[in-house]
Amino acid sequence: MYIFILEKFRKFFKSIGKLETKVIDRIINRRNKTEKKFVLKDYHFRKVVEKKYKPKKIAIVLCFHFKKNRLKTLNKNIIEIASYNFNTNLTVITNNLKKKNELELRKILKKKVKKYSIIMVKNLPDENFLPWHSINIMKNKIKDNSYSHFMYLEDDIIVNSKNISYWIYFRKVLKKINLIPNFIRCEAYKGKLFSVDNPKKLIKKNNPVVFAENKEFGFINSKYPYSGMYLMDRELLKNFLKSKAIKIDFSFNNRVMKSLYPIKELVNISYAYLDVPTRYHNKLVLPFMKNKIPEFSIIKHCDLKYVRHKPLNKMGYGTINIENLIA
């Protein structure tokens, strides 16, 4: 009855913006307290550390709008991808390049990666639309049954093989409750790691949580799940590609998405808002072990865009040491 009343208030406040958001939070918190919860096994958190889980073959799409001063950053990403000890196929999407710039890009790729291709997008009206061209590439890649996984990356996001191993393992575990393991994007500054995308601490009593049996381990659902990339298996990608989430206007009727994500970012986060379980903000959940973020879920943001950006700092972005993120 309480949730029914809140739903009525939600419709009433829909035109008032922030009030609707507060009501939605109350509905989620109430459901989080009253609905029967899935409990993880303690051994899940041991197994993910003890074993290495590899994709059969992974298709990687890396988005790089060419700027000469960003080639060093791109090179770091390519070095990491080249270190994977499993089968990869890399596609770099970029803007229409002059021959000189194309050769510079190919030089970096050729030295380190065996299988790669470059797709240059002509007549690009704005660089913010470049990521959306990854959709057509993924549509082609999934036709090839040899691929087991698919990953999209912004050029400055470093994802290592441990990150991928963790995701593969917990994807199978969390699939039972329609949730997806997430990563946390961090910047290293003065010997510490700072959360890029969470402007507030993640308080377990205020956010949906999936606990393990001992209550010390689990997953928490943040209202700010963005990480500058996505990793999907065949099932996830198929559902994504046949959904409305691959269209730019998918966010128009979702107040949360409209307020958090510009057009550029939508292409790699919209899947998290498809068929969200009733007591969650989105489908992405972040692991914790005794209130700490495990290393296997941390991905690096090469640029120090957030920790040094004062306007973003005022909003809380790039200010929270991940050692203190969960409470």
C-alpha atoms as a PDB file:
ATOM      1  CA  MET A   1       0.000   0.000   0.000  1.00  0.00           C
ATOM      2  CA  TYR A   2       2.861   2.371   0.887  1.00  0.00           C
ATOM      3  CA  ILE A   3       4.514   1.798  -2.515  1.00  0.00           C
ATOM      4  CA  PHE A   4       1.159   2.276  -4.278  1.00  0.00           C
ATOM      5  CA  ILE A   5       0.766   5.686  -2.634  1.00  0.00           C
ATOM      6  CA  LEU A   6       4.334   6.650  -3.554  1.00  0.00           C
ATOM      7  CA  GLU A   7       3.688   5.695  -7.175  1.00  0.00           C
ATOM      8  CA  LYS A   8       0.683   8.047  -7.195  1.00  0.00           C
ATOM      9  CA  PHE A   9       2.841  10.835  -5.747  1.00  0.00           C
ATOM     10  CA  ARG A  10       5.477  10.095  -8.351  1.00  0.00           C
ATOM     11  CA  LYS A  11       3.019  10.744 -11.199  1.00  0.00           C
ATOM     12  CA  PHE A  12       1.843  13.920  -9.485  1.00  0.00           C
ATOM     13  CA  PHE A  13       5.394  15.232  -9.051  1.00  0.00           C
ATOM     14  CA  LYS A  14       6.587  14.178 -12.491  1.00  0.00           C
ATOM     15  CA  SER A  15       6.440  17.708 -13.834  1.00  0.00           C
ATOM     16  CA  ILE A  16       8.320  19.125 -10.840  1.00  0.00           C
ATOM     17  CA  GLY A  17      11.709  17.554 -11.542  1.00  0.00           C
ATOM     18  CA  LYS A  18      13.736  16.927  -8.392  1.00  0.00           C
ATOM     19  CA  LEU A  19      10.699  16.015  -6.303  1.00  0.00           C
ATOM     20  CA  GLU A  20       9.979  13.111  -8.633  1.00  0.00           C
ATOM     21  CA  THR A  21      13.567  11.903  -8.228  1.00  0.00           C
ATOM     22  CA  LYS A  22      13.188  11.920  -4.438  1.00  0.00           C
ATOM     23  CA  VAL A  23       9.961   9.954  -4.659  1.00  0.00           C
ATOM     24  CA  ILE A  24      11.618   7.390  -6.965  1.00  0.00           C
ATOM     25  CA  ASP A  25      14.421   6.989  -4.401  1.00  0.00           C
ATOM     26  CA  ARG A  26      11.848   6.404  -1.659  1.00  0.00           C
ATOM     27  CA  ILE A  27      10.112   3.739  -3.764  1.00  0.00           C
ATOM     28  CA  ILE A  28      13.404   1.940  -4.442  1.00  0.00           C
ATOM     29  CA  ASN A  29      14.481   2.099  -0.797  1.00  0.00           C
ATOM     30  CA  ARG A  30      11.113   0.788   0.356  1.00  0.00           C
ATOM     31  CA  ARG A  31      11.221  -2.128  -2.070  1.00  0.00           C
ATOM     32  CA  ASN A  32      14.799  -2.792  -1.038  1.00  0.00           C
ATOM     33  CA  LYS A  33      13.631  -3.277   2.544  1.00  0.00           C
ATOM     34  CA  THR A  34      10.467  -5.286   1.875  1.00  0.00           C
ATOM     35  CA  GLU A  35      11.116  -7.561  -1.116  1.00  0.00           C
ATOM     36  CA  LYS A  36      12.751 -10.966  -0.799  1.00  0.00           C
ATOM     37  CA  LYS A  37      16.449 -10.685  -1.642  1.00  0.00           C
ATOM     38  CA  PHE A  38      18.884 -12.894  -3.500  1.00  0.00           C
ATOM     39  CA  VAL A  39      21.870 -13.907  -1.354  1.00  0.00           C
ATOM     40  CA  LEU A  40      25.309 -14.523  -2.838  1.00  0.00           C
ATOM     41  CA  LYS A  41      27.547 -17.314  -1.631  1.00  0.00           C
ATOM     42  CA  ASP A  42      30.735 -16.391   0.222  1.00  0.00           C
ATOM     43  CA  TYR A  43      32.769 -18.663  -2.045  1.00  0.00           C
ATOM     44  CA  HIS A  44      31.956 -16.492  -5.073  1.00  0.00           C
ATOM     45  CA  PHE A  45      34.383 -13.868  -3.823  1.00  0.00           C
ATOM     46  CA  ARG A  46      37.124 -16.433  -3.307  1.00  0.00           C
ATOM     47  CA  LYS A  47      36.700 -18.094  -6.697  1.00  0.00           C
ATOM     48  CA  VAL A  48      36.890 -14.861  -8.651  1.00  0.00           C
ATOM     49  CA  VAL A  49      40.332 -14.209  -7.155  1.00  0.00           C
ATOM     50  CA  GLU A  50      41.623 -17.793  -7.367  1.00  0.00           C
ATOM     51  CA  LYS A  51      40.798 -18.498 -11.012  1.00  0.00           C
ATOM     52  CA  LYS A  52      41.230 -16.706 -14.327  1.00  0.00           C
ATOM     53  CA  TYR A  53      38.222 -16.572 -16.611  1.00  0.00           C
ATOM     54  CA  LYS A  54      38.884 -15.782 -20.258  1.00  0.00           C
ATOM     55  CA  PRO A  55      36.646 -14.880 -23.175  1.00  0.00           C
ATOM     56  CA  LYS A  56      36.774 -17.268 -26.105  1.00  0.00           C
ATOM     57  CA  LYS A  57      37.262 -14.285 -28.411  1.00  0.00           C
ATOM     58  CA  ILE A  58      36.526 -10.631 -27.801  1.00  0.00           C
ATOM     59  CA  ALA A  59      35.646  -7.890 -30.276  1.00  0.00           C
ATOM     60  CA  ILE A  60      36.872  -4.497 -29.072  1.00  0.00           C
ATOM     61  CA  VAL A  61      35.700  -1.173 -30.455  1.00  0.00           C
ATOM     62  CA  LEU A  62      37.846   1.765 -29.367  1.00  0.00           C
ATOM     63  CA  CYS A  63      36.603   5.308 -29.994  1.00  0.00           C
ATOM     64  CA  PHE A  64      39.342   7.831 -30.783  1.00  0.00           C
ATOM     65  CA  HIS A  65      38.678  11.290 -32.160  1.00  0.00           C
ATOM     66  CA  PHE A  66      42.113  12.126 -33.532  1.00  0.00           C
ATOM     67  CA  LYS A  67      44.126  14.726 -31.652  1.00  0.00           C
ATOM     68  CA  LYS A  68      47.895  14.551 -31.854  1.00  0.00           C
ATOM     69  CA  ASN A  69      48.320  15.342 -28.163  1.00  0.00           C
ATOM     70  CA  ARG A  70      46.180  12.287 -27.291  1.00  0.00           C
ATOM     71  CA  LEU A  71      48.301   9.724 -29.115  1.00  0.00           C
ATOM     72  CA  LYS A  72      50.311   8.994 -25.955  1.00  0.00           C
ATOM     73  CA  THR A  73      47.112   8.271 -24.055  1.00  0.00           C
ATOM     74  CA  LEU A  74      45.872   6.034 -26.851  1.00  0.00           C
ATOM     75  CA  ASN A  75      49.203   4.201 -26.851  1.00  0.00           C
ATOM     76  CA  LYS A  76      48.745   3.250 -23.174  1.00  0.00           C
ATOM     77  CA  ASN A  77      45.396   1.710 -24.028  1.00  0.00           C
ATOM     78  CA  ILE A  78      46.811  -0.224 -26.984  1.00  0.00           C
ATOM     79  CA  ILE A  79      49.668  -1.574 -24.843  1.00  0.00           C
ATOM     80  CA  GLU A  80      47.128  -2.929 -22.347  1.00  0.00           C
ATOM     81  CA  ILE A  81      45.004  -4.546 -25.055  1.00  0.00           C
ATOM     82  CA  ALA A  82      48.120  -6.103 -26.595  1.00  0.00           C
ATOM     83  CA  SER A  83      48.906  -7.742 -23.242  1.00  0.00           C
ATOM     84  CA  TYR A  84      45.677  -9.783 -23.173  1.00  0.00           C
ATOM     85  CA  ASN A  85      46.384 -13.512 -23.250  1.00  0.00           C
ATOM     86  CA  PHE A  86      43.222 -14.340 -25.186  1.00  0.00           C
ATOM     87  CA  ASN A  87      41.989 -13.862 -28.741  1.00  0.00           C
ATOM     88  CA  THR A  88      41.109 -10.256 -29.620  1.00  0.00           C
ATOM     89  CA  ASN A  89      40.005  -8.251 -32.619  1.00  0.00           C
ATOM     90  CA  LEU A  90      40.333  -4.472 -32.378  1.00  0.00           C
ATOM     91  CA  THR A  91      38.439  -1.861 -34.373  1.00  0.00           C
ATOM     92  CA  VAL A  92      39.341   1.808 -33.940  1.00  0.00           C
ATOM     93  CA  ILE A  93      36.669   4.284 -34.981  1.00  0.00           C
ATOM     94  CA  THR A  94      37.903   7.780 -35.673  1.00  0.00           C
ATOM     95  CA  ASN A  95      37.100  10.903 -37.657  1.00  0.00           C
ATOM     96  CA  ASN A  96      38.146  11.369 -41.287  1.00  0.00           C
ATOM     97  CA  LEU A  97      41.948  11.669 -41.153  1.00  0.00           C
ATOM     98  CA  LYS A  98      44.595  13.180 -43.340  1.00  0.00           C
ATOM     99  CA  LYS A  99      46.995  10.587 -44.692  1.00  0.00           C
ATOM    100  CA  LYS A 100      49.741  11.763 -42.341  1.00  0.00           C
ATOM    101  CA  ASN A 101      47.522  11.332 -39.282  1.00  0.00           C
ATOM    102  CA  GLU A 102      46.299   7.952 -40.444  1.00  0.00           C
ATOM    103  CA  LEU A 103      49.891   6.740 -40.748  1.00  0.00           C
ATOM    104  CA  GLU A 104      50.632   7.969 -37.202  1.00  0.00           C
ATOM    105  CA  LEU A 105      47.671   6.002 -35.910  1.00  0.00           C
ATOM    106  CA  ARG A 106      48.557   2.868 -37.857  1.00  0.00           C
ATOM    107  CA  LYS A 107      52.133   3.030 -36.597  1.00  0.00           C
ATOM    108  CA  ILE A 108      50.941   2.789 -32.983  1.00  0.00           C
ATOM    109  CA  LEU A 109      48.553  -0.063 -33.756  1.00  0.00           C
ATOM    110  CA  LYS A 110      50.833  -2.075 -36.021  1.00  0.00           C
ATOM    111  CA  LYS A 111      53.647  -2.251 -33.472  1.00  0.00           C
ATOM    112  CA  LYS A 112      51.495  -3.886 -30.811  1.00  0.00           C
ATOM    113  CA  VAL A 113      48.281  -5.414 -32.160  1.00  0.00           C
ATOM    114  CA  LYS A 114      48.014  -8.260 -34.668  1.00  0.00           C
ATOM    115  CA  LYS A 115      44.354  -8.001 -35.654  1.00  0.00           C
ATOM    116  CA  TYR A 116      43.008  -4.501 -36.033  1.00  0.00           C
ATOM    117  CA  SER A 117      41.110  -2.249 -38.413  1.00  0.00           C
ATOM    118  CA  ILE A 118      40.507   1.486 -38.614  1.00  0.00           C
ATOM    119  CA  ILE A 119      37.141   2.916 -39.591  1.00  0.00           C
ATOM    120  CA  MET A 120      37.115   6.610 -40.427  1.00  0.00           C
ATOM    121  CA  VAL A 121      33.758   8.357 -40.235  1.00  0.00           C
ATOM    122  CA  LYS A 122      33.364  10.993 -42.910  1.00  0.00           C
ATOM    123  CA  ASN A 123      31.228  14.123 -42.655  1.00  0.00           C
ATOM    124  CA  LEU A 124      30.966  13.876 -38.881  1.00  0.00           C
ATOM    125  CA  PRO A 125      28.851  16.888 -37.795  1.00  0.00           C
ATOM    126  CA  ASP A 126      30.203  16.796 -34.228  1.00  0.00           C
ATOM    127  CA  GLU A 127      32.741  14.599 -32.443  1.00  0.00           C
ATOM    128  CA  ASN A 128      30.094  13.723 -29.834  1.00  0.00           C
ATOM    129  CA  PHE A 129      28.348  11.587 -32.445  1.00  0.00           C
ATOM    130  CA  LEU A 130      31.418   9.464 -33.155  1.00  0.00           C
ATOM    131  CA  PRO A 131      30.707   6.855 -30.421  1.00  0.00           C
ATOM    132  CA  TRP A 132      27.328   6.092 -31.984  1.00  0.00           C
ATOM    133  CA  HIS A 133      29.040   4.641 -35.038  1.00  0.00           C
ATOM    134  CA  SER A 134      30.145   1.746 -32.816  1.00  0.00           C
ATOM    135  CA  ILE A 135      26.584   0.374 -33.020  1.00  0.00           C
ATOM    136  CA  ASN A 136      26.929  -0.646 -36.673  1.00  0.00           C
ATOM    137  CA  ILE A 137      30.282  -2.283 -35.987  1.00  0.00           C
ATOM    138  CA  MET A 138      28.803  -4.358 -33.160  1.00  0.00           C
ATOM    139  CA  LYS A 139      25.903  -5.353 -35.410  1.00  0.00           C
ATOM    140  CA  ASN A 140      28.435  -6.812 -37.839  1.00  0.00           C
ATOM    141  CA  LYS A 141      30.610  -8.424 -35.185  1.00  0.00           C
ATOM    142  CA  ILE A 142      27.779 -10.349 -33.557  1.00  0.00           C
ATOM    143  CA  LYS A 143      27.052 -12.092 -36.855  1.00  0.00           C
ATOM    144  CA  ASP A 144      30.356 -13.911 -36.341  1.00  0.00           C
ATOM    145  CA  ASN A 145      29.695 -16.754 -33.886  1.00  0.00           C
ATOM    146  CA  SER A 146      33.381 -16.996 -32.967  1.00  0.00           C
ATOM    147  CA  TYR A 147      33.023 -13.929 -30.717  1.00  0.00           C
ATOM    148  CA  SER A 148      31.966 -14.636 -27.136  1.00  0.00           C
ATOM    149  CA  HIS A 149      32.326 -11.075 -25.790  1.00  0.00           C
ATOM    150  CA  PHE A 150      32.191  -7.498 -26.981  1.00  0.00           C
ATOM    151  CA  MET A 151      33.787  -4.423 -25.431  1.00  0.00           C
ATOM    152  CA  TYR A 152      33.474  -0.730 -26.199  1.00  0.00           C
ATOM    153  CA  LEU A 153      36.123   1.669 -24.864  1.00  0.00           C
ATOM    154  CA  GLU A 154      36.721   5.365 -24.836  1.00  0.00           C
ATOM    155  CA  ASP A 155      40.350   5.974 -25.835  1.00  0.00           C
ATOM    156  CA  ASP A 156      41.501   6.911 -22.317  1.00  0.00           C
ATOM    157  CA  ILE A 157      39.985   3.948 -20.429  1.00  0.00           C
ATOM    158  CA  ILE A 158      42.356   1.157 -19.375  1.00  0.00           C
ATOM    159  CA  VAL A 159      40.738  -2.257 -18.851  1.00  0.00           C
ATOM    160  CA  ASN A 160      43.054  -5.102 -17.855  1.00  0.00           C
ATOM    161  CA  SER A 161      42.614  -8.866 -18.136  1.00  0.00           C
ATOM    162  CA  LYS A 162      41.747  -9.179 -14.414  1.00  0.00           C
ATOM    163  CA  ASN A 163      38.859  -6.769 -14.966  1.00  0.00           C
ATOM    164  CA  ILE A 164      37.557  -8.948 -17.788  1.00  0.00           C
ATOM    165  CA  SER A 165      38.015 -12.164 -15.797  1.00  0.00           C
ATOM    166  CA  TYR A 166      35.993 -10.740 -12.874  1.00  0.00           C
ATOM    167  CA  TRP A 167      33.213  -9.614 -15.192  1.00  0.00           C
ATOM    168  CA  ILE A 168      32.912 -13.008 -16.913  1.00  0.00           C
ATOM    169  CA  TYR A 169      32.631 -14.834 -13.601  1.00  0.00           C
ATOM    170  CA  PHE A 170      30.112 -12.557 -11.913  1.00  0.00           C
ATOM    171  CA  ARG A 171      28.047 -12.081 -15.073  1.00  0.00           C
ATOM    172  CA  LYS A 172      26.980 -15.733 -14.698  1.00  0.00           C
ATOM    173  CA  VAL A 173      26.237 -15.286 -10.996  1.00  0.00           C
ATOM    174  CA  LEU A 174      24.261 -12.042 -11.256  1.00  0.00           C
ATOM    175  CA  LYS A 175      22.396 -13.046 -14.394  1.00  0.00           C
ATOM    176  CA  LYS A 176      19.962 -14.954 -12.159  1.00  0.00           C
ATOM    177  CA  ILE A 177      18.609 -11.649 -10.838  1.00  0.00           C
ATOM    178  CA  ASN A 178      18.939  -9.631 -14.060  1.00  0.00           C
ATOM    179  CA  LEU A 179      21.907  -7.573 -12.838  1.00  0.00           C
ATOM    180  CA  ILE A 180      25.280  -6.936 -14.480  1.00  0.00           C
ATOM    181  CA  PRO A 181      28.703  -6.547 -12.793  1.00  0.00           C
ATOM    182  CA  ASN A 182      30.086  -3.041 -13.155  1.00  0.00           C
ATOM    183  CA  PHE A 183      33.476  -1.336 -13.023  1.00  0.00           C
ATOM    184  CA  ILE A 184      34.501   1.818 -11.235  1.00  0.00           C
ATOM    185  CA  ARG A 185      36.446   4.423 -13.205  1.00  0.00           C
ATOM    186  CA  CYS A 186      39.245   6.028 -11.202  1.00  0.00           C
ATOM    187  CA  GLU A 187      42.022   8.555 -11.602  1.00  0.00           C
ATOM    188  CA  ALA A 188      45.361   8.142  -9.838  1.00  0.00           C
ATOM    189  CA  TYR A 189      46.489  11.347  -8.131  1.00  0.00           C
ATOM    190  CA  LYS A 190      49.248  11.808  -5.527  1.00  0.00           C
ATOM    191  CA  GLY A 191      49.419   8.079  -4.867  1.00  0.00           C
ATOM    192  CA  LYS A 192      45.679   7.646  -4.334  1.00  0.00           C
ATOM    193  CA  LEU A 193      42.753   6.529  -6.474  1.00  0.00           C
ATOM    194  CA  PHE A 194      39.736   8.792  -6.767  1.00  0.00           C
ATOM    195  CA  SER A 195      36.304   7.843  -8.041  1.00  0.00           C
ATOM    196  CA  VAL A 196      35.501   9.739 -11.224  1.00  0.00           C
ATOM    197  CA  ASP A 197      31.773   9.159 -11.548  1.00  0.00           C
ATOM    198  CA  ASN A 198      30.384   9.050  -8.013  1.00  0.00           C
ATOM    199  CA  PRO A 199      29.785  12.551  -6.587  1.00  0.00           C
ATOM    200  CA  LYS A 200      28.606  11.077  -3.289  1.00  0.00           C
ATOM    201  CA  LYS A 201      29.628   8.216  -1.031  1.00  0.00           C
ATOM    202  CA  LEU A 202      27.745   4.963  -1.520  1.00  0.00           C
ATOM    203  CA  ILE A 203      25.872   4.351   1.721  1.00  0.00           C
ATOM    204  CA  LYS A 204      24.712   0.747   1.889  1.00  0.00           C
ATOM    205  CA  LYS A 205      21.575   1.483   3.885  1.00  0.00           C
ATOM    206  CA  ASN A 206      20.503   4.063   1.284  1.00  0.00           C
ATOM    207  CA  ASN A 207      21.213   2.062  -1.872  1.00  0.00           C
ATOM    208  CA  PRO A 208      20.121  -1.347  -3.178  1.00  0.00           C
ATOM    209  CA  VAL A 209      22.582  -4.031  -2.077  1.00  0.00           C
ATOM    210  CA  VAL A 210      23.042  -7.722  -2.852  1.00  0.00           C
ATOM    211  CA  PHE A 211      24.814  -9.272   0.128  1.00  0.00           C
ATOM    212  CA  ALA A 212      26.799 -12.464   0.457  1.00  0.00           C
ATOM    213  CA  GLU A 213      25.970 -14.833   3.313  1.00  0.00           C
ATOM    214  CA  ASN A 214      28.438 -13.263   5.737  1.00  0.00           C
ATOM    215  CA  LYS A 215      27.236  -9.682   4.918  1.00  0.00           C
ATOM    216  CA  GLU A 216      30.859  -8.546   4.501  1.00  0.00           C
ATOM    217  CA  PHE A 217      30.884  -9.056   0.727  1.00  0.00           C
ATOM    218  CA  GLY A 218      28.383  -8.052  -1.880  1.00  0.00           C
ATOM    219  CA  PHE A 219      27.357  -5.685  -4.642  1.00  0.00           C
ATOM    220  CA  ILE A 220      25.945  -2.176  -4.375  1.00  0.00           C
ATOM    221  CA  ASN A 221      23.809  -0.384  -6.955  1.00  0.00           C
ATOM    222  CA  SER A 222      24.938   3.220  -7.529  1.00  0.00           C
ATOM    223  CA  LYS A 223      22.796   5.937  -9.090  1.00  0.00           C
ATOM    224  CA  TYR A 224      25.959   6.922 -10.996  1.00  0.00           C
ATOM    225  CA  PRO A 225      27.082   3.763 -12.865  1.00  0.00           C
ATOM    226  CA  TYR A 226      28.950   5.382 -15.762  1.00  0.00           C
ATOM    227  CA  SER A 227      32.461   4.055 -16.509  1.00  0.00           C
ATOM    228  CA  GLY A 228      33.288   5.144 -20.081  1.00  0.00           C
ATOM    229  CA  MET A 229      32.990   1.628 -21.510  1.00  0.00           C
ATOM    230  CA  TYR A 230      30.914  -1.520 -21.599  1.00  0.00           C
ATOM    231  CA  LEU A 231      31.571  -5.241 -21.694  1.00  0.00           C
ATOM    232  CA  MET A 232      28.872  -7.640 -22.938  1.00  0.00           C
ATOM    233  CA  ASP A 233      28.437 -11.287 -23.779  1.00  0.00           C
ATOM    234  CA  ARG A 234      26.431 -12.388 -26.825  1.00  0.00           C
ATOM    235  CA  GLU A 235      23.103 -12.431 -24.980  1.00  0.00           C
ATOM    236  CA  LEU A 236      23.509  -8.914 -23.585  1.00  0.00           C
ATOM    237  CA  LEU A 237      24.621  -7.468 -26.909  1.00  0.00           C
ATOM    238  CA  LYS A 238      21.777  -9.114 -28.842  1.00  0.00           C
ATOM    239  CA  ASN A 239      19.211  -7.683 -26.419  1.00  0.00           C
ATOM    240  CA  PHE A 240      20.872  -4.271 -26.601  1.00  0.00           C
ATOM    241  CA  LEU A 241      21.007  -4.166 -30.409  1.00  0.00           C
ATOM    242  CA  LYS A 242      17.343  -5.075 -30.835  1.00  0.00           C
ATOM    243  CA  SER A 243      16.183  -2.580 -28.184  1.00  0.00           C
ATOM    244  CA  LYS A 244      15.293   1.113 -28.287  1.00  0.00           C
ATOM    245  CA  ALA A 245      18.437   1.820 -26.263  1.00  0.00           C
ATOM    246  CA  ILE A 246      20.535   1.996 -29.437  1.00  0.00           C
ATOM    247  CA  LYS A 247      18.669   5.157 -30.454  1.00  0.00           C
ATOM    248  CA  ILE A 248      19.720   8.624 -29.336  1.00  0.00           C
ATOM    249  CA  ASP A 249      16.195   9.488 -28.204  1.00  0.00           C
ATOM    250  CA  PHE A 250      16.013   6.525 -25.768  1.00  0.00           C
ATOM    251  CA  SER A 251      16.869   8.845 -22.875  1.00  0.00           C
ATOM    252  CA  PHE A 252      14.242  11.474 -23.678  1.00  0.00           C
ATOM    253  CA  ASN A 253      11.633   9.846 -21.448  1.00  0.00           C
ATOM    254  CA  ASN A 254      14.054   8.949 -18.674  1.00  0.00           C
ATOM    255  CA  ARG A 255      14.703  11.862 -16.339  1.00  0.00           C
ATOM    256  CA  VAL A 256      17.754  10.248 -14.724  1.00  0.00           C
ATOM    257  CA  MET A 257      19.475   9.613 -18.036  1.00  0.00           C
ATOM    258  CA  LYS A 258      18.639  13.076 -19.325  1.00  0.00           C
ATOM    259  CA  SER A 259      20.161  14.704 -16.258  1.00  0.00           C
ATOM    260  CA  LEU A 260      23.342  12.584 -16.100  1.00  0.00           C
ATOM    261  CA  TYR A 261      24.475  11.764 -19.626  1.00  0.00           C
ATOM    262  CA  PRO A 262      25.258  13.908 -22.681  1.00  0.00           C
ATOM    263  CA  ILE A 263      24.762  12.371 -26.151  1.00  0.00           C
ATOM    264  CA  LYS A 264      28.356  11.114 -26.322  1.00  0.00           C
ATOM    265  CA  GLU A 265      28.036   9.070 -23.134  1.00  0.00           C
ATOM    266  CA  LEU A 266      24.602   7.575 -23.813  1.00  0.00           C
ATOM    267  CA  VAL A 267      25.810   4.948 -26.268  1.00  0.00           C
ATOM    268  CA  ASN A 268      27.778   3.019 -23.636  1.00  0.00           C
ATOM    269  CA  ILE A 269      25.403   3.347 -20.669  1.00  0.00           C
ATOM    270  CA  SER A 270      21.852   3.145 -22.040  1.00  0.00           C
ATOM    271  CA  TYR A 271      21.833  -0.680 -21.852  1.00  0.00           C
ATOM    272  CA  ALA A 272      21.966  -0.363 -18.055  1.00  0.00           C
ATOM    273  CA  TYR A 273      18.465   1.153 -18.088  1.00  0.00           C
ATOM    274  CA  LEU A 274      16.776  -1.658 -20.024  1.00  0.00           C
ATOM    275  CA  ASP A 275      14.339  -3.808 -18.031  1.00  0.00           C
ATOM    276  CA  VAL A 276      15.671  -2.671 -14.664  1.00  0.00           C
ATOM    277  CA  PRO A 277      14.536  -4.855 -11.714  1.00  0.00           C
ATOM    278  CA  THR A 278      12.002  -3.058  -9.515  1.00  0.00           C
ATOM    279  CA  ARG A 279      14.207  -2.244  -6.544  1.00  0.00           C
ATOM    280  CA  TYR A 280      17.250  -0.933  -8.448  1.00  0.00           C
ATOM    281  CA  HIS A 281      18.327   2.370  -9.991  1.00  0.00           C
ATOM    282  CA  ASN A 282      19.803   0.539 -13.008  1.00  0.00           C
ATOM    283  CA  LYS A 283      21.159  -2.937 -13.803  1.00  0.00           C
ATOM    284  CA  LEU A 284      24.825  -2.295 -12.956  1.00  0.00           C
ATOM    285  CA  VAL A 285      26.204  -3.269  -9.557  1.00  0.00           C
ATOM    286  CA  LEU A 286      29.645  -2.700  -8.034  1.00  0.00           C
ATOM    287  CA  PRO A 287      31.385  -5.265  -5.783  1.00  0.00           C
ATOM    288  CA  PHE A 288      32.626  -4.561  -2.279  1.00  0.00           C
ATOM    289  CA  MET A 289      34.653  -6.649   0.162  1.00  0.00           C
ATOM    290  CA  LYS A 290      34.546  -5.381   3.736  1.00  0.00           C
ATOM    291  CA  ASN A 291      33.555  -1.905   2.489  1.00  0.00           C
ATOM    292  CA  LYS A 292      36.476  -1.788   0.053  1.00  0.00           C
ATOM    293  CA  ILE A 293      36.321  -1.783  -3.733  1.00  0.00           C
ATOM    294  CA  PRO A 294      38.249  -4.855  -4.950  1.00  0.00           C
ATOM    295  CA  GLU A 295      41.073  -4.172  -7.363  1.00  0.00           C
ATOM    296  CA  PHE A 296      39.594  -6.433 -10.045  1.00  0.00           C
ATOM    297  CA  SER A 297      36.692  -4.006 -10.598  1.00  0.00           C
ATOM    298  CA  ILE A 298      38.822  -0.833 -10.837  1.00  0.00           C
ATOM    299  CA  ILE A 299      39.508   0.566 -14.302  1.00  0.00           C
ATOM    300  CA  LYS A 300      41.849   3.498 -14.926  1.00  0.00           C
ATOM    301  CA  HIS A 301      41.037   6.821 -16.536  1.00  0.00           C
ATOM    302  CA  CYS A 302      44.348   7.949 -18.045  1.00  0.00           C
ATOM    303  CA  ASP A 303      43.533  11.647 -18.040  1.00  0.00           C
ATOM    304  CA  LEU A 304      43.361  13.630 -14.827  1.00  0.00           C
ATOM    305  CA  LYS A 305      40.291  15.420 -16.075  1.00  0.00           C
ATOM    306  CA  TYR A 306      38.195  15.095 -12.931  1.00  0.00           C
ATOM    307  CA  VAL A 307      40.557  15.387  -9.980  1.00  0.00           C
ATOM    308  CA  ARG A 308      41.949  18.659 -11.378  1.00  0.00           C
ATOM    309  CA  HIS A 309      38.705  20.150 -12.695  1.00  0.00           C
ATOM    310  CA  LYS A 310      37.374  22.634 -10.123  1.00  0.00           C
ATOM    311  CA  PRO A 311      33.790  22.955 -11.469  1.00  0.00           C
ATOM    312  CA  LEU A 312      33.453  19.144 -11.428  1.00  0.00           C
ATOM    313  CA  ASN A 313      35.038  19.009  -7.966  1.00  0.00           C
ATOM    314  CA  LYS A 314      32.372  21.376  -6.658  1.00  0.00           C
ATOM    315  CA  MET A 315      29.776  18.863  -7.819  1.00  0.00           C
ATOM    316  CA  GLY A 316      31.652  16.081  -6.023  1.00  0.00           C
ATOM    317  CA  TYR A 317      33.165  14.321  -9.041  1.00  0.00           C
ATOM    318  CA  GLY A 318      36.789  13.237  -8.699  1.00  0.00           C
ATOM    319  CA  THR A 319      36.925  14.041  -4.986  1.00  0.00           C
ATOM    320  CA  ILE A 320      36.230  10.745  -3.178  1.00  0.00           C
ATOM    321  CA  ASN A 321      39.104   8.381  -2.410  1.00  0.00           C
ATOM    322  CA  ILE A 322      37.815   4.913  -3.324  1.00  0.00           C
ATOM    323  CA  GLU A 323      39.073   3.678   0.044  1.00  0.00           C
ATOM    324  CA  ASN A 324      36.238   5.726   1.559  1.00  0.00           C
ATOM    325  CA  LEU A 325      33.610   5.387  -1.174  1.00  0.00           C
ATOM    326  CA  ILE A 326      31.437   2.708   0.490  1.00  0.00           C
ATOM    327  CA  ALA A 327      30.056   3.048   3.994  1.00  0.00           C
END
